[in-house]
Amino acid sequence: MVDTIFHDVCFSQTDVESARSLISTIIQGEAAIIAIVFTLSLIAVQQTTSTYSPRVIDIFNDYKKNKPFFMLLCAYTFCIACSALLLKVITSEKNENIVTPSIEHYIWIVCALFILSIIVLLPYINFTLNMFKPTTLIKLLSENISKQSIEFAIELESSRNIDQSGQIKPIDDTIQPIVDVLQGAMKSYDYETTRYGLKIIEAKAIQILSDERYNTGKEAIAKRIIDNIRIIGIIATKQEMEKAVNDTVDTFFAIFECLIDREIYEPIDTLISALFTIGEQTINENIDTSTVYIFKKLTEIGIKSTDSNLKNVTENMIHLIARMTLEKISMENKQGIYQILCSGVCLEAFDSLGSICEKTAEKKWEFETSNLIYMLKIIGTSLFENTDIKGNADYLLDNLLSTLESITQNLIKNDLKKLVYNTTSIIHLIGKEAFVKNKRLTEVSCNLLDNISSEITHCSPEVNGERDTLRDKLILNIMTWEGELNKLLYTSSGTNYAQ
């Protein structure tokens, strides 16, 4: 029976009616399949645009990015056309109701094409399903990012959306669609997609900024990219995605290193401002681990900027770290929950400012170092004004005194004795203000002044063969402040703590 069926199918000639019925069925099947393909494609478009952004619809219209769809469409159109043409030319052989041998061959070819078109459909379905993945969308969208596309967007924005022909056009920002996809991913707390998108933007930014074929327009491009990354960081902060915030900060730092290496200094202020904005958001959202991480990266930026002799950037770092610390102290006081987390932020701020000060002292930058010391004074004053001198505040002031001691030693080491007056005056102020609520801090301050005085005393009394009057005045002032604190402690307990 099987042999009979095989012989009838493969070797018997097909009658005309059967041939026409078969070809008609193939045409209808192919038309039905292509209709399903269109439906599936429209569903994919609707799903991705509603989930992420209408901007991703360009992927489906682009032949290079959606090749499987257009190739499948062409293949089915060709198969349907061939089948329709064959259906028209089917004729019988002489007076018999069977097709001619040549037509028989064409029927087999059409059947083979139909089977092939069904096989080709499988990769397209897989491709379409992958289009639902945000990482696939990001990868395809990133192919549009180039120096020319970003410059065109900047030029169009500066001309208020009016092109050279006078027509109003929307700004085609090639980075914005990726930001939209990442926003949708972050709403679902999809951390891996967010990280992937940031890495893609980082790689593209570094590629454009490092391209030696172009030497102009990189400042504006860098600012544009930084602004888009800032938006991602703000969204991540509002979603309380700590890892995503930290990845955003890492992306900023990688771009900063590229800017420093390529000596593109103008966009650095924009980058720092973006980091500060994100830092403020982390403070408002109480994401203190991210705030601490931002401090660490700001410190590295400050140190690298000092090494590159970028005084303005270093000074900006100092002010931003101080502002964020003061905002954290003020906010915690308003909420009445002065917690250990706030201590972490303040401690990191002390370490950051201390590390930057070490570099500025080595460079003998008196103005920047003086500003840094003044910021520490403001932070100390804020701790007194906003909290009781107990618990965490006591611990923070203790660390502030240690930071001031370390800074003073660096100043003495780098022959910046003029600024030692500033640090020792703050130590004296803390000891004096803390006396009423916590005598232990007064004792610590007194001992620190005594140590600093001894260290300066061991310095050479002469400079270039002449008496170092600055050294003598400094020792006198420190001893006076030490005596004042010692007197307070002696009056309080009848014991000379300095001894």
Protein backbone atom coordinates (compact mmCIF):
# COMPACT_ATOMS: atom_id res chain seq x y z
CA MET A 1 0.00 0.00 0.00
CA VAL A 2 2.81 2.39 0.93
CA ASP A 3 4.61 1.53 -2.29
CA THR A 4 1.46 2.27 -4.27
CA ILE A 5 0.99 5.67 -2.62
CA PHE A 6 4.67 6.55 -3.13
CA HIS A 7 4.48 5.53 -6.81
CA ASP A 8 1.26 7.53 -7.39
CA VAL A 9 2.72 10.64 -5.77
CA CYS A 10 6.18 10.57 -7.30
CA PHE A 11 5.75 8.98 -10.73
CA SER A 12 2.12 9.34 -11.78
CA GLN A 13 1.23 12.45 -13.76
CA THR A 14 -1.14 14.90 -12.12
CA ASP A 15 -4.49 15.61 -13.65
CA VAL A 16 -5.32 19.25 -14.41
CA GLU A 17 -7.99 19.71 -11.76
CA SER A 18 -5.83 18.24 -9.02
CA ALA A 19 -2.91 20.44 -10.07
CA ARG A 20 -5.05 23.57 -10.02
CA SER A 21 -6.53 22.61 -6.66
CA LEU A 22 -3.05 22.00 -5.21
CA ILE A 23 -1.63 25.29 -6.47
CA SER A 24 -4.71 27.18 -5.24
CA THR A 25 -4.31 25.60 -1.81
CA ILE A 26 -0.61 26.61 -1.71
CA ILE A 27 -1.47 30.20 -2.66
CA GLN A 28 -4.15 30.39 0.03
CA GLY A 29 -1.82 28.86 2.62
CA GLU A 30 0.99 31.28 1.80
CA ALA A 31 -1.40 34.23 1.91
CA ALA A 32 -2.72 33.06 5.29
CA ILE A 33 0.83 32.68 6.63
CA ILE A 34 1.88 36.14 5.47
CA ALA A 35 -1.23 37.57 7.12
CA ILE A 36 -0.21 35.87 10.36
CA VAL A 37 3.31 37.28 9.94
CA PHE A 38 1.91 40.80 9.58
CA THR A 39 -0.28 40.31 12.63
CA LEU A 40 2.63 39.03 14.71
CA SER A 41 4.78 41.95 13.58
CA LEU A 42 2.08 44.48 14.49
CA ILE A 43 1.69 42.87 17.91
CA ALA A 44 5.45 43.13 18.43
CA VAL A 45 5.39 46.79 17.42
CA GLN A 46 2.42 47.57 19.68
CA GLN A 47 3.90 45.70 22.63
CA THR A 48 7.33 47.30 22.44
CA THR A 49 6.03 50.82 21.84
CA SER A 50 3.55 50.60 24.71
CA THR A 51 6.12 49.06 27.08
CA TYR A 52 9.08 51.27 26.20
CA SER A 53 8.61 54.11 23.73
CA PRO A 54 7.07 54.93 20.33
CA ARG A 55 10.60 55.82 19.23
CA VAL A 56 11.53 52.12 18.91
CA ILE A 57 9.11 51.76 16.00
CA ASP A 58 11.93 52.92 13.73
CA ILE A 59 13.59 49.55 14.26
CA PHE A 60 10.72 47.77 12.51
CA ASN A 61 10.81 50.22 9.60
CA ASP A 62 14.55 49.89 9.10
CA TYR A 63 15.51 47.23 6.56
CA LYS A 64 18.99 46.74 8.04
CA LYS A 65 17.62 46.09 11.53
CA ASN A 66 14.55 44.10 10.48
CA LYS A 67 15.98 42.06 7.61
CA PRO A 68 14.16 38.78 8.46
CA PHE A 69 10.75 40.42 8.05
CA PHE A 70 11.52 42.04 4.71
CA MET A 71 13.26 38.93 3.41
CA LEU A 72 10.33 36.77 4.47
CA LEU A 73 7.89 39.19 2.83
CA CYS A 74 9.85 39.08 -0.42
CA ALA A 75 10.09 35.29 -0.31
CA TYR A 76 6.36 34.79 0.17
CA THR A 77 5.52 37.41 -2.46
CA PHE A 78 7.76 35.56 -4.91
CA CYS A 79 6.21 32.18 -4.03
CA ILE A 80 2.66 33.50 -4.39
CA ALA A 81 3.51 35.17 -7.71
CA CYS A 82 5.10 31.99 -9.09
CA SER A 83 2.17 29.88 -7.92
CA ALA A 84 -0.37 32.26 -9.46
CA LEU A 85 1.51 32.32 -12.73
CA LEU A 86 1.71 28.52 -12.76
CA LEU A 87 -1.99 28.29 -12.00
CA LYS A 88 -2.69 30.38 -15.07
CA VAL A 89 -0.55 28.35 -17.49
CA ILE A 90 -1.57 24.86 -16.37
CA THR A 91 -2.71 22.98 -19.49
CA SER A 92 -3.51 19.37 -20.33
CA GLU A 93 -1.51 17.10 -22.61
CA LYS A 94 -3.37 16.62 -25.92
CA ASN A 95 -6.86 15.36 -25.17
CA GLU A 96 -5.95 13.75 -21.86
CA ASN A 97 -6.84 15.29 -18.52
CA ILE A 98 -3.26 15.34 -17.30
CA VAL A 99 -0.68 18.17 -17.16
CA THR A 100 2.32 18.28 -19.44
CA PRO A 101 5.70 17.00 -18.10
CA SER A 102 7.15 20.53 -17.99
CA ILE A 103 4.21 21.76 -15.91
CA GLU A 104 4.67 18.75 -13.66
CA HIS A 105 8.21 19.90 -12.94
CA TYR A 106 7.00 23.41 -12.10
CA ILE A 107 4.43 21.99 -9.71
CA TRP A 108 7.20 20.19 -7.84
CA ILE A 109 9.22 23.40 -7.73
CA VAL A 110 6.26 25.34 -6.30
CA CYS A 111 5.71 22.64 -3.69
CA ALA A 112 9.39 22.78 -2.76
CA LEU A 113 9.22 26.58 -2.46
CA PHE A 114 6.17 26.29 -0.22
CA ILE A 115 7.97 23.85 2.10
CA LEU A 116 11.04 26.10 2.10
CA SER A 117 8.96 29.16 2.95
CA ILE A 118 7.52 27.36 5.97
CA ILE A 119 11.03 26.45 7.14
CA VAL A 120 12.20 30.05 6.70
CA LEU A 121 9.29 31.17 8.87
CA LEU A 122 10.82 29.59 11.98
CA PRO A 123 13.89 31.87 12.21
CA TYR A 124 11.65 34.88 11.70
CA ILE A 125 9.43 33.87 14.61
CA ASN A 126 12.53 33.50 16.77
CA PHE A 127 13.76 36.94 15.63
CA THR A 128 10.40 38.54 16.39
CA LEU A 129 10.26 37.01 19.86
CA ASN A 130 13.77 38.35 20.52
CA MET A 131 12.51 41.80 19.61
CA PHE A 132 10.46 41.72 22.80
CA LYS A 133 13.72 41.59 24.77
CA PRO A 134 14.88 45.07 25.85
CA THR A 135 18.54 44.13 25.41
CA THR A 136 17.88 43.36 21.74
CA LEU A 137 16.18 46.72 21.28
CA ILE A 138 19.06 48.52 22.99
CA LYS A 139 21.63 46.79 20.81
CA LEU A 140 19.76 47.68 17.63
CA LEU A 141 19.11 51.27 18.74
CA SER A 142 22.77 51.78 19.65
CA GLU A 143 23.73 51.22 16.02
CA ASN A 144 22.20 54.63 15.26
CA ILE A 145 24.45 56.46 17.71
CA SER A 146 27.21 58.32 15.89
CA LYS A 147 28.99 61.65 16.01
CA GLN A 148 26.98 62.91 13.04
CA SER A 149 23.59 61.93 14.47
CA ILE A 150 24.29 63.59 17.83
CA GLU A 151 25.62 66.74 16.16
CA PHE A 152 22.53 66.91 13.97
CA ALA A 153 20.28 66.66 17.04
CA ILE A 154 22.28 69.41 18.80
CA GLU A 155 22.11 71.65 15.73
CA LEU A 156 18.36 71.09 15.32
CA GLU A 157 17.74 71.82 19.00
CA SER A 158 19.77 75.03 18.88
CA SER A 159 17.72 76.19 15.87
CA ARG A 160 14.45 75.48 17.74
CA ASN A 161 13.58 72.42 15.60
CA ILE A 162 13.84 74.30 12.30
CA ASP A 163 16.09 72.70 9.69
CA GLN A 164 18.01 74.41 6.91
CA SER A 165 15.01 74.31 4.58
CA GLY A 166 12.87 76.13 7.14
CA GLN A 167 10.73 73.13 8.04
CA ILE A 168 9.90 72.20 11.62
CA LYS A 169 11.23 68.76 12.47
CA PRO A 170 11.33 66.69 15.66
CA ILE A 171 14.74 66.20 17.24
CA ASP A 172 15.97 62.72 16.38
CA ASP A 173 18.12 62.08 19.43
CA THR A 174 19.64 58.63 18.88
CA ILE A 175 20.38 58.18 22.60
CA GLN A 176 16.91 59.11 23.84
CA PRO A 177 15.23 55.87 22.60
CA ILE A 178 17.72 53.86 24.68
CA VAL A 179 16.90 56.04 27.69
CA ASP A 180 13.20 55.30 27.09
CA VAL A 181 13.86 51.54 26.98
CA LEU A 182 15.91 51.76 30.19
CA GLN A 183 13.13 53.73 31.86
CA GLY A 184 10.69 50.95 31.05
CA ALA A 185 13.18 48.37 32.31
CA MET A 186 13.71 50.25 35.58
CA LYS A 187 9.97 50.43 36.18
CA SER A 188 10.09 46.64 36.20
CA TYR A 189 13.26 46.71 38.33
CA ASP A 190 15.16 45.00 35.52
CA TYR A 191 18.68 45.67 36.76
CA GLU A 192 20.57 43.63 34.14
CA THR A 193 18.94 45.49 31.25
CA THR A 194 19.72 48.83 32.88
CA ARG A 195 23.33 47.85 33.36
CA TYR A 196 23.58 46.60 29.77
CA GLY A 197 22.14 49.86 28.42
CA LEU A 198 24.56 51.97 30.46
CA LYS A 199 27.51 49.90 29.23
CA ILE A 200 26.34 50.36 25.63
CA ILE A 201 26.08 54.15 26.05
CA GLU A 202 29.45 54.24 27.81
CA ALA A 203 31.14 52.26 25.03
CA LYS A 204 29.61 54.46 22.33
CA ALA A 205 30.57 57.66 24.18
CA ILE A 206 34.18 56.58 24.62
CA GLN A 207 34.32 55.41 21.00
CA ILE A 208 33.14 58.81 19.72
CA LEU A 209 35.30 60.87 22.09
CA SER A 210 38.38 58.75 21.33
CA ASP A 211 37.95 58.92 17.56
CA GLU A 212 41.03 60.77 16.33
CA ARG A 213 39.46 61.46 12.94
CA TYR A 214 37.38 64.22 14.52
CA ASN A 215 38.81 67.01 16.67
CA THR A 216 35.84 69.38 16.78
CA GLY A 217 32.42 69.24 18.38
CA LYS A 218 33.36 66.66 21.00
CA GLU A 219 32.60 69.03 23.88
CA ALA A 220 28.96 69.45 22.81
CA ILE A 221 28.62 65.71 22.14
CA ALA A 222 29.99 64.83 25.57
CA LYS A 223 27.56 67.24 27.26
CA ARG A 224 24.66 65.73 25.32
CA ILE A 225 25.60 62.19 26.35
CA ILE A 226 26.16 63.24 29.97
CA ASP A 227 22.71 64.83 30.10
CA ASN A 228 21.08 61.59 28.93
CA ILE A 229 23.00 59.53 31.47
CA ARG A 230 21.95 61.99 34.18
CA ILE A 231 18.30 61.25 33.36
CA ILE A 232 18.96 57.52 33.74
CA GLY A 233 20.60 58.13 37.12
CA ILE A 234 17.68 60.21 38.38
CA ILE A 235 15.14 57.57 37.32
CA ALA A 236 17.22 54.83 38.96
CA THR A 237 17.33 56.88 42.16
CA LYS A 238 13.58 57.41 42.20
CA GLN A 239 13.11 53.67 41.71
CA GLU A 240 15.56 53.12 44.59
CA MET A 241 17.74 50.85 42.45
CA GLU A 242 21.06 51.22 44.26
CA LYS A 243 23.04 49.05 41.85
CA ALA A 244 21.72 50.97 38.86
CA VAL A 245 22.64 54.28 40.51
CA ASN A 246 26.16 52.99 41.18
CA ASP A 247 26.45 51.77 37.58
CA THR A 248 25.42 55.23 36.40
CA VAL A 249 28.16 56.75 38.55
CA ASP A 250 30.67 54.26 37.10
CA THR A 251 29.61 55.28 33.60
CA PHE A 252 30.20 58.92 34.46
CA PHE A 253 33.63 58.11 35.87
CA ALA A 254 34.63 56.12 32.76
CA ILE A 255 33.62 59.08 30.56
CA PHE A 256 35.52 61.44 32.90
CA GLU A 257 38.69 59.37 32.50
CA CYS A 258 38.25 59.48 28.72
CA LEU A 259 37.82 63.28 28.83
CA ILE A 260 40.97 63.64 30.94
CA ASP A 261 42.98 61.34 28.65
CA ARG A 262 41.82 63.24 25.56
CA GLU A 263 42.25 66.63 27.28
CA ILE A 264 38.61 67.55 26.68
CA TYR A 265 38.09 69.59 29.84
CA GLU A 266 35.02 71.72 29.11
CA PRO A 267 32.35 68.99 29.65
CA ILE A 268 33.82 67.97 33.04
CA ASP A 269 31.83 70.66 34.86
CA THR A 270 28.63 69.31 33.28
CA LEU A 271 29.57 65.79 34.38
CA ILE A 272 30.26 66.90 37.95
CA SER A 273 26.99 68.81 38.06
CA ALA A 274 25.14 65.68 36.89
CA LEU A 275 26.81 63.63 39.63
CA PHE A 276 25.79 66.25 42.19
CA THR A 277 22.17 66.14 40.99
CA ILE A 278 22.09 62.36 41.36
CA GLY A 279 23.79 62.67 44.75
CA GLU A 280 21.08 65.05 45.94
CA GLN A 281 18.44 62.59 44.79
CA THR A 282 20.08 59.76 46.72
CA ILE A 283 20.05 61.95 49.83
CA ASN A 284 16.37 62.78 49.37
CA GLU A 285 15.54 59.11 48.82
CA ASN A 286 17.75 57.99 51.75
CA ILE A 287 19.86 55.75 49.51
CA ASP A 288 22.94 56.36 51.64
CA THR A 289 25.05 53.54 50.20
CA SER A 290 24.82 55.21 46.79
CA THR A 291 25.58 58.61 48.33
CA VAL A 292 28.75 57.15 49.84
CA TYR A 293 29.64 55.59 46.48
CA ILE A 294 29.20 58.95 44.76
CA PHE A 295 31.53 60.52 47.35
CA LYS A 296 34.16 57.89 46.53
CA LYS A 297 33.97 58.66 42.81
CA LEU A 298 33.94 62.42 43.42
CA THR A 299 37.11 61.94 45.45
CA GLU A 300 38.78 60.07 42.59
CA ILE A 301 37.69 62.81 40.19
CA GLY A 302 39.06 65.45 42.55
CA ILE A 303 42.42 63.67 42.84
CA LYS A 304 42.74 63.13 39.08
CA SER A 305 41.74 66.75 38.45
CA THR A 306 44.42 67.92 40.88
CA ASP A 307 47.00 65.75 39.14
CA SER A 308 45.92 67.35 35.84
CA ASN A 309 46.18 70.85 37.39
CA LEU A 310 42.46 71.53 36.94
CA LYS A 311 42.02 73.89 39.87
CA ASN A 312 38.44 74.85 39.03
CA VAL A 313 37.33 71.22 38.91
CA THR A 314 39.04 70.42 42.21
CA GLU A 315 37.46 73.43 43.91
CA ASN A 316 34.09 72.44 42.50
CA MET A 317 34.53 68.93 43.94
CA ILE A 318 35.24 70.34 47.38
CA HIS A 319 32.12 72.51 47.38
CA LEU A 320 29.84 69.75 46.06
CA ILE A 321 30.99 67.20 48.64
CA ALA A 322 30.48 69.76 51.41
CA ARG A 323 27.02 70.77 50.10
CA MET A 324 25.84 67.18 49.92
CA THR A 325 27.11 66.49 53.44
CA LEU A 326 25.36 69.58 54.83
CA GLU A 327 22.12 68.61 53.09
CA LYS A 328 22.32 65.14 54.61
CA ILE A 329 22.91 66.51 58.12
CA SER A 330 20.09 69.03 57.76
CA MET A 331 17.64 66.47 56.37
CA GLU A 332 18.33 63.90 59.06
CA ASN A 333 17.77 66.53 61.74
CA LYS A 334 14.42 67.56 60.25
CA GLN A 335 13.27 63.95 60.20
CA GLY A 336 14.53 63.40 63.72
CA ILE A 337 16.22 60.14 62.80
CA TYR A 338 19.92 60.84 63.09
CA GLN A 339 21.00 57.34 62.15
CA ILE A 340 24.15 55.37 61.53
CA LEU A 341 23.60 55.78 57.79
CA CYS A 342 24.10 59.53 58.13
CA SER A 343 27.34 58.76 59.96
CA GLY A 344 28.46 56.74 56.93
CA VAL A 345 27.84 59.70 54.60
CA CYS A 346 29.66 62.15 56.87
CA LEU A 347 32.60 59.81 57.47
CA GLU A 348 33.00 59.30 53.73
CA ALA A 349 32.87 63.08 53.28
CA PHE A 350 35.66 63.51 55.83
CA ASP A 351 37.77 60.88 54.07
CA SER A 352 37.06 62.45 50.68
CA LEU A 353 37.99 65.95 51.73
CA GLY A 354 41.05 64.64 53.55
CA SER A 355 42.26 62.77 50.45
CA ILE A 356 41.73 65.76 48.18
CA CYS A 357 43.47 68.04 50.70
CA GLU A 358 46.49 65.77 50.67
CA LYS A 359 46.81 66.33 46.92
CA THR A 360 46.18 70.08 47.02
CA ALA A 361 48.76 70.44 49.79
CA GLU A 362 51.32 68.56 47.69
CA LYS A 363 50.59 70.97 44.85
CA LYS A 364 50.82 73.88 47.34
CA TRP A 365 47.43 75.20 46.22
CA GLU A 366 46.77 77.52 49.14
CA PHE A 367 43.42 78.90 47.96
CA GLU A 368 41.83 75.51 47.26
CA THR A 369 43.24 74.00 50.47
CA SER A 370 41.96 76.97 52.47
CA ASN A 371 38.48 76.54 50.98
CA LEU A 372 38.51 72.85 51.85
CA ILE A 373 39.40 73.58 55.47
CA TYR A 374 36.64 76.19 55.60
CA MET A 375 34.13 73.61 54.34
CA LEU A 376 35.13 71.28 57.17
CA LYS A 377 34.51 74.13 59.60
CA ILE A 378 30.99 74.63 58.19
CA ILE A 379 30.28 70.89 58.47
CA GLY A 380 31.45 70.90 62.10
CA THR A 381 29.28 73.92 62.88
CA SER A 382 26.32 72.20 61.25
CA LEU A 383 26.82 69.14 63.43
CA PHE A 384 26.65 71.37 66.51
CA GLU A 385 23.60 73.27 65.32
CA ASN A 386 21.50 70.34 64.13
CA THR A 387 22.21 67.62 66.67
CA ASP A 388 22.91 66.99 70.30
CA ILE A 389 26.52 66.19 71.10
CA LYS A 390 25.90 62.57 71.81
CA GLY A 391 25.72 59.25 69.99
CA ASN A 392 26.53 59.56 66.31
CA ALA A 393 27.29 63.27 66.44
CA ASP A 394 29.90 62.63 69.12
CA TYR A 395 31.45 59.95 66.92
CA LEU A 396 31.38 62.20 63.83
CA LEU A 397 33.03 65.14 65.59
CA ASP A 398 35.69 62.78 66.87
CA ASN A 399 36.42 61.73 63.28
CA LEU A 400 36.33 65.34 62.11
CA LEU A 401 39.03 66.15 64.65
CA SER A 402 41.11 63.21 63.35
CA THR A 403 40.69 64.49 59.80
CA LEU A 404 41.80 67.97 60.85
CA GLU A 405 44.83 66.49 62.58
CA SER A 406 45.78 64.55 59.44
CA ILE A 407 45.31 67.65 57.26
CA THR A 408 47.44 69.71 59.65
CA GLN A 409 50.26 67.18 59.43
CA ASN A 410 50.11 67.38 55.61
CA LEU A 411 50.22 71.17 55.77
CA ILE A 412 53.29 71.09 58.00
CA LYS A 413 54.93 68.48 55.78
CA ASN A 414 54.36 70.60 52.65
CA ASP A 415 55.44 73.84 54.34
CA LEU A 416 51.97 75.43 54.36
CA LYS A 417 52.19 76.67 57.94
CA LYS A 418 50.04 79.66 57.08
CA LEU A 419 47.04 77.34 56.76
CA VAL A 420 47.79 75.49 59.99
CA TYR A 421 46.22 78.46 61.77
CA ASN A 422 42.92 77.59 60.05
CA THR A 423 42.89 73.93 61.07
CA THR A 424 43.98 74.55 64.64
CA SER A 425 41.38 77.31 65.06
CA ILE A 426 38.67 74.80 64.06
CA ILE A 427 40.04 72.24 66.55
CA HIS A 428 39.92 74.92 69.24
CA LEU A 429 36.38 75.90 68.24
CA ILE A 430 35.14 72.29 68.43
CA GLY A 431 36.74 71.82 71.83
CA LYS A 432 35.23 75.04 73.14
CA GLU A 433 31.71 74.40 71.78
CA ALA A 434 31.66 70.80 72.96
CA PHE A 435 32.63 71.59 76.54
CA VAL A 436 29.10 72.10 77.87
CA LYS A 437 27.68 68.84 76.44
CA ASN A 438 30.70 66.58 76.07
CA LYS A 439 33.94 67.35 77.90
CA ARG A 440 35.64 64.37 76.30
CA LEU A 441 35.72 66.17 72.93
CA THR A 442 37.26 69.18 74.66
CA GLU A 443 39.93 66.93 76.08
CA VAL A 444 40.59 65.40 72.64
CA SER A 445 40.85 68.87 71.09
CA CYS A 446 43.26 69.99 73.81
CA ASN A 447 45.50 66.97 73.26
CA LEU A 448 45.47 67.47 69.49
CA LEU A 449 46.58 71.09 69.88
CA ASP A 450 49.34 69.96 72.20
CA ASN A 451 50.56 67.39 69.65
CA ILE A 452 50.44 69.89 66.78
CA SER A 453 52.31 72.47 68.86
CA SER A 454 55.02 69.93 69.62
CA GLU A 455 55.29 68.98 65.94
CA ILE A 456 55.69 72.61 64.85
CA THR A 457 58.21 73.21 67.61
CA HIS A 458 60.42 70.53 66.07
CA CYS A 459 60.38 72.38 62.73
CA SER A 460 63.41 74.50 61.89
CA PRO A 461 63.16 77.97 63.55
CA GLU A 462 64.85 79.60 60.57
CA VAL A 463 63.94 80.02 56.92
CA ASN A 464 66.65 81.03 54.46
CA GLY A 465 68.87 82.08 57.34
CA GLU A 466 66.21 84.29 58.96
CA ARG A 467 63.95 83.75 61.93
CA ASP A 468 60.66 82.02 61.00
CA THR A 469 58.25 84.47 62.59
CA LEU A 470 55.22 82.60 61.18
CA ARG A 471 56.30 79.49 63.08
CA ASP A 472 56.67 81.46 66.32
CA LYS A 473 53.25 83.12 65.96
CA LEU A 474 51.65 79.79 65.18
CA ILE A 475 53.12 78.15 68.28
CA LEU A 476 51.97 81.08 70.40
CA ASN A 477 48.40 80.93 69.05
CA ILE A 478 48.16 77.17 69.49
CA MET A 479 49.50 77.33 73.04
CA THR A 480 47.00 80.10 73.83
CA TRP A 481 44.08 78.01 72.52
CA GLU A 482 45.39 74.95 74.29
CA GLY A 483 45.64 76.91 77.52
CA GLU A 484 42.06 78.16 77.13
CA LEU A 485 40.71 74.63 76.72
CA ASN A 486 42.91 73.36 79.51
CA LYS A 487 41.56 76.04 81.78
CA LEU A 488 37.99 74.99 81.05
CA LEU A 489 38.78 71.39 81.88
CA TYR A 490 40.76 72.38 85.00
CA THR A 491 37.95 74.60 86.25
CA SER A 492 35.41 71.87 85.65
CA SER A 493 37.15 69.00 87.43
CA GLY A 494 40.16 70.41 89.17
CA THR A 495 42.46 68.32 86.97
CA ASN A 496 44.88 69.64 84.37
CA TYR A 497 43.94 67.46 81.40
CA ALA A 498 46.72 68.81 79.21
CA GLN A 499 49.23 67.36 81.57
